[in-house]
Amino acid sequence: MTRADFMARLRQGLVGLPMSTAAEIAADYELHFTDGAAAGRSEEDIAAALGDPARLARELRAEAGARRWTQEQNPSAAVGAVFGLIGLGALDIIIILPLFFSVVGTVLSFLVAGIAVFVSGGIVAVVGPFFDGPGGVIAAVLLGVGLMGLGLFMGGLMAILTKWLIDATVWYARLHYRVLKPALDTQPVQQA
C-alpha cells in the first residue's frame, strides 16, 4: 500500500472527528512516512508496519472520544465516546450491546418514571386542596410536595447512574485499546 492509499483510508476512517483532531492525527502519520523515507524505507514497508489504516482509525476515534469525555463530560462528548467504543469491535458489540441497551433502557425508564412522579406530585399539590380528601388541604399539599421530592430524587439518581454508565463505557474502550495495542505493536516489521 502506498503512502497516498494509506493516508486516504486513514482520513476516511477519521471522518466525524473534529477537523483539528483529524488533521493532527493525519500529520502524525504523515511524519511516520517522512521519517521512514528519510531512513531509507519504502512506503509499502512503512504502511505495513503501521498496520491496517481502517482499524487504526477506529482505535484512534475511540481514544479521541474517551479523551474528549474525560475533558468535557457533556452529552456530545458522551455520544462520541460511546460511538468510539462501538467502532472498536463487532464481536464485543454483539456481546455487550444487548446488555448495554437493557441497562440504558432501565435507566431511561426510571428517569421517565421520575418525571411522571414529579409532575403527578405537582398536580396533587395544586389540585388536591380542592377535593375533600382524608387529611384535608395540608395532607394534599404535603403529599404533592413529597411526590415532587421523590421525582427529583429519582431524576438525580438516574443522572448519577447515567454518568457512571458513560464512565464505564469509556473505561471499557480504554481497556479494549490497551489490550489491542500490544498486539498491534508487535506486528512484524518488514525491512527492505
Protein backbone atom coordinates (compact mmCIF):
# COMPACT_ATOMS: atom_id res chain seq x y z
CA MET A 1 0.00 0.00 0.00
CA THR A 2 1.38 3.41 -0.92
CA ARG A 3 1.55 6.46 1.29
CA ALA A 4 -1.35 8.11 -0.56
CA ASP A 5 -3.54 4.99 -0.23
CA PHE A 6 -2.77 4.62 3.47
CA MET A 7 -3.42 8.28 4.23
CA ALA A 8 -6.65 8.32 2.19
CA ARG A 9 -8.02 5.30 4.08
CA LEU A 10 -6.89 6.75 7.42
CA ARG A 11 -8.55 10.12 6.70
CA GLN A 12 -11.71 8.36 5.55
CA GLY A 13 -11.80 6.46 8.85
CA LEU A 14 -11.34 9.68 10.83
CA VAL A 15 -14.41 11.34 9.32
CA GLY A 16 -16.62 12.56 12.14
CA LEU A 17 -13.82 13.62 14.44
CA PRO A 18 -13.27 17.35 14.93
CA MET A 19 -11.28 18.63 11.97
CA SER A 20 -8.38 19.81 14.14
CA THR A 21 -8.08 16.38 15.80
CA ALA A 22 -8.24 14.54 12.46
CA ALA A 23 -5.66 16.90 10.93
CA GLU A 24 -3.34 16.42 13.90
CA ILE A 25 -3.59 12.63 13.65
CA ALA A 26 -3.04 12.72 9.88
CA ALA A 27 0.01 14.97 10.34
CA ASP A 28 1.46 12.49 12.84
CA TYR A 29 1.12 9.64 10.36
CA GLU A 30 2.50 11.76 7.51
CA LEU A 31 5.52 12.29 9.76
CA HIS A 32 5.89 8.50 10.14
CA PHE A 33 6.14 8.24 6.35
CA THR A 34 8.58 11.16 6.11
CA ASP A 35 10.83 9.75 8.83
CA GLY A 36 10.67 6.27 7.32
CA ALA A 37 11.57 7.58 3.87
CA ALA A 38 14.49 9.51 5.38
CA ALA A 39 15.67 6.23 6.93
CA GLY A 40 15.56 4.56 3.51
CA ARG A 41 12.38 2.51 3.97
CA SER A 42 9.83 2.14 1.20
CA GLU A 43 6.24 3.45 1.50
CA GLU A 44 4.94 -0.13 1.40
CA ASP A 45 7.16 -1.16 4.32
CA ILE A 46 6.11 1.84 6.39
CA ALA A 47 2.41 1.23 5.66
CA ALA A 48 2.77 -2.46 6.56
CA ALA A 49 4.48 -1.54 9.84
CA LEU A 50 1.69 0.90 10.73
CA GLY A 51 -0.99 -1.72 10.11
CA ASP A 52 -4.49 -1.54 8.68
CA PRO A 53 -5.49 2.14 8.41
CA ALA A 54 -9.21 1.38 8.91
CA ARG A 55 -8.55 -0.46 12.17
CA LEU A 56 -6.09 2.21 13.23
CA ALA A 57 -8.72 4.89 12.58
CA ARG A 58 -11.29 3.03 14.71
CA GLU A 59 -8.85 2.83 17.60
CA LEU A 60 -7.87 6.47 17.25
CA ARG A 61 -11.54 7.52 17.13
CA ALA A 62 -12.24 5.55 20.31
CA GLU A 63 -9.27 7.09 22.10
CA ALA A 64 -10.20 10.61 20.92
CA GLY A 65 -13.78 10.09 22.14
CA ALA A 66 -12.58 8.82 25.50
CA ARG A 67 -10.14 11.72 25.86
CA ARG A 68 -12.87 14.22 24.98
CA TRP A 69 -15.27 12.68 27.53
CA THR A 70 -12.70 12.91 30.34
CA GLN A 71 -12.09 16.57 29.49
CA GLU A 72 -15.61 17.84 28.78
CA GLN A 73 -18.21 15.40 30.20
CA ASN A 74 -21.14 16.74 28.22
CA PRO A 75 -23.75 14.89 26.13
CA SER A 76 -21.87 15.43 22.86
CA ALA A 77 -18.66 14.01 24.32
CA ALA A 78 -20.62 11.09 25.77
CA VAL A 79 -22.05 10.23 22.37
CA GLY A 80 -18.57 10.46 20.85
CA ALA A 81 -17.15 8.14 23.49
CA VAL A 82 -19.93 5.60 23.05
CA PHE A 83 -19.67 5.60 19.25
CA GLY A 84 -15.90 5.31 19.51
CA LEU A 85 -16.40 2.17 21.56
CA ILE A 86 -18.89 0.83 19.04
CA GLY A 87 -16.34 1.26 16.29
CA LEU A 88 -13.72 -0.84 18.06
CA GLY A 89 -15.03 -4.34 17.66
CA ALA A 90 -18.08 -6.04 16.25
CA LEU A 91 -17.76 -9.15 18.40
CA ASP A 92 -17.64 -7.10 21.57
CA ILE A 93 -20.70 -5.20 20.44
CA ILE A 94 -22.63 -8.38 19.74
CA ILE A 95 -21.98 -9.49 23.31
CA ILE A 96 -22.13 -6.13 25.09
CA LEU A 97 -24.76 -4.27 23.06
CA PRO A 98 -27.80 -6.17 24.40
CA LEU A 99 -26.55 -5.75 27.97
CA PHE A 100 -25.74 -2.08 27.41
CA PHE A 101 -29.12 -1.27 25.86
CA SER A 102 -31.02 -3.13 28.57
CA VAL A 103 -29.22 -1.14 31.27
CA VAL A 104 -29.71 2.12 29.36
CA GLY A 105 -33.38 1.26 28.83
CA THR A 106 -33.85 0.60 32.53
CA VAL A 107 -32.17 3.87 33.49
CA LEU A 108 -34.22 5.77 30.91
CA SER A 109 -37.47 4.19 32.13
CA PHE A 110 -36.66 5.17 35.73
CA LEU A 111 -35.89 8.69 34.54
CA VAL A 112 -39.24 8.91 32.75
CA ALA A 113 -40.95 7.47 35.84
CA GLY A 114 -39.21 10.12 37.98
CA ILE A 115 -40.51 12.86 35.70
CA ALA A 116 -44.01 11.37 35.84
CA VAL A 117 -43.89 11.18 39.66
CA PHE A 118 -42.70 14.79 39.83
CA VAL A 119 -45.49 16.01 37.51
CA SER A 120 -48.13 13.99 39.37
CA GLY A 121 -46.86 15.46 42.65
CA GLY A 122 -47.31 18.93 41.22
CA ILE A 123 -50.83 18.08 40.12
CA VAL A 124 -51.69 16.64 43.55
CA ALA A 125 -50.23 19.72 45.31
CA VAL A 126 -52.23 22.13 43.12
CA VAL A 127 -55.50 20.25 42.61
CA GLY A 128 -55.63 18.17 45.83
CA PRO A 129 -56.73 21.02 48.14
CA PHE A 130 -59.90 21.49 46.08
CA PHE A 131 -61.07 17.96 46.84
CA ASP A 132 -62.20 16.80 50.26
CA GLY A 133 -59.70 14.01 50.79
CA PRO A 134 -58.56 12.38 54.01
CA GLY A 135 -56.39 14.81 55.99
CA GLY A 136 -57.67 17.88 54.22
CA VAL A 137 -55.73 20.57 52.42
CA ILE A 138 -52.47 20.16 54.35
CA ALA A 139 -52.30 16.41 53.60
CA ALA A 140 -52.89 17.02 49.88
CA VAL A 141 -50.19 19.68 49.68
CA LEU A 142 -47.72 17.58 51.68
CA LEU A 143 -48.45 14.52 49.52
CA GLY A 144 -47.85 16.59 46.39
CA VAL A 145 -44.60 18.04 47.72
CA GLY A 146 -43.48 14.57 48.82
CA LEU A 147 -44.17 13.14 45.35
CA MET A 148 -42.28 16.01 43.76
CA GLY A 149 -39.33 15.32 46.06
CA LEU A 150 -39.42 11.63 45.14
CA GLY A 151 -39.46 12.59 41.45
CA LEU A 152 -36.44 14.86 41.91
CA PHE A 153 -34.62 12.11 43.80
CA MET A 154 -35.32 9.60 41.02
CA GLY A 155 -34.15 12.06 38.35
CA GLY A 156 -30.96 12.89 40.25
CA LEU A 157 -30.20 9.24 40.88
CA MET A 158 -30.65 8.45 37.19
CA ALA A 159 -28.35 11.36 36.25
CA ILE A 160 -25.65 9.88 38.51
CA LEU A 161 -26.20 6.40 37.06
CA THR A 162 -26.01 7.81 33.53
CA LYS A 163 -22.65 9.41 34.30
CA TRP A 164 -21.40 6.12 35.75
CA LEU A 165 -22.55 4.27 32.63
CA ILE A 166 -20.70 6.67 30.37
CA ASP A 167 -17.59 6.44 32.56
CA ALA A 168 -17.80 2.63 32.43
CA THR A 169 -18.12 2.75 28.64
CA VAL A 170 -15.05 4.99 28.36
CA TRP A 171 -13.15 2.71 30.77
CA TYR A 172 -14.07 -0.28 28.63
CA ALA A 173 -12.95 1.46 25.45
CA ARG A 174 -9.59 2.30 27.00
CA LEU A 175 -9.21 -1.21 28.33
CA HIS A 176 -10.03 -2.59 24.90
CA TYR A 177 -7.48 -0.28 23.31
CA ARG A 178 -4.79 -1.26 25.85
CA VAL A 179 -5.45 -4.92 25.12
CA LEU A 180 -5.20 -4.38 21.36
CA LYS A 181 -2.20 -2.05 21.43
CA PRO A 182 0.44 -4.69 22.30
CA ALA A 183 -0.85 -6.92 19.53
CA LEU A 184 -0.59 -4.05 17.07
CA ASP A 185 2.84 -3.00 18.27
CA THR A 186 4.31 -6.48 17.85
CA GLN A 187 3.42 -6.81 14.17
CA PRO A 188 6.49 -7.89 12.24
CA VAL A 189 8.25 -5.01 10.51
CA GLN A 190 9.39 -5.90 7.03
CA GLN A 191 12.66 -4.29 6.09
CA ALA A 192 13.90 -3.92 2.54
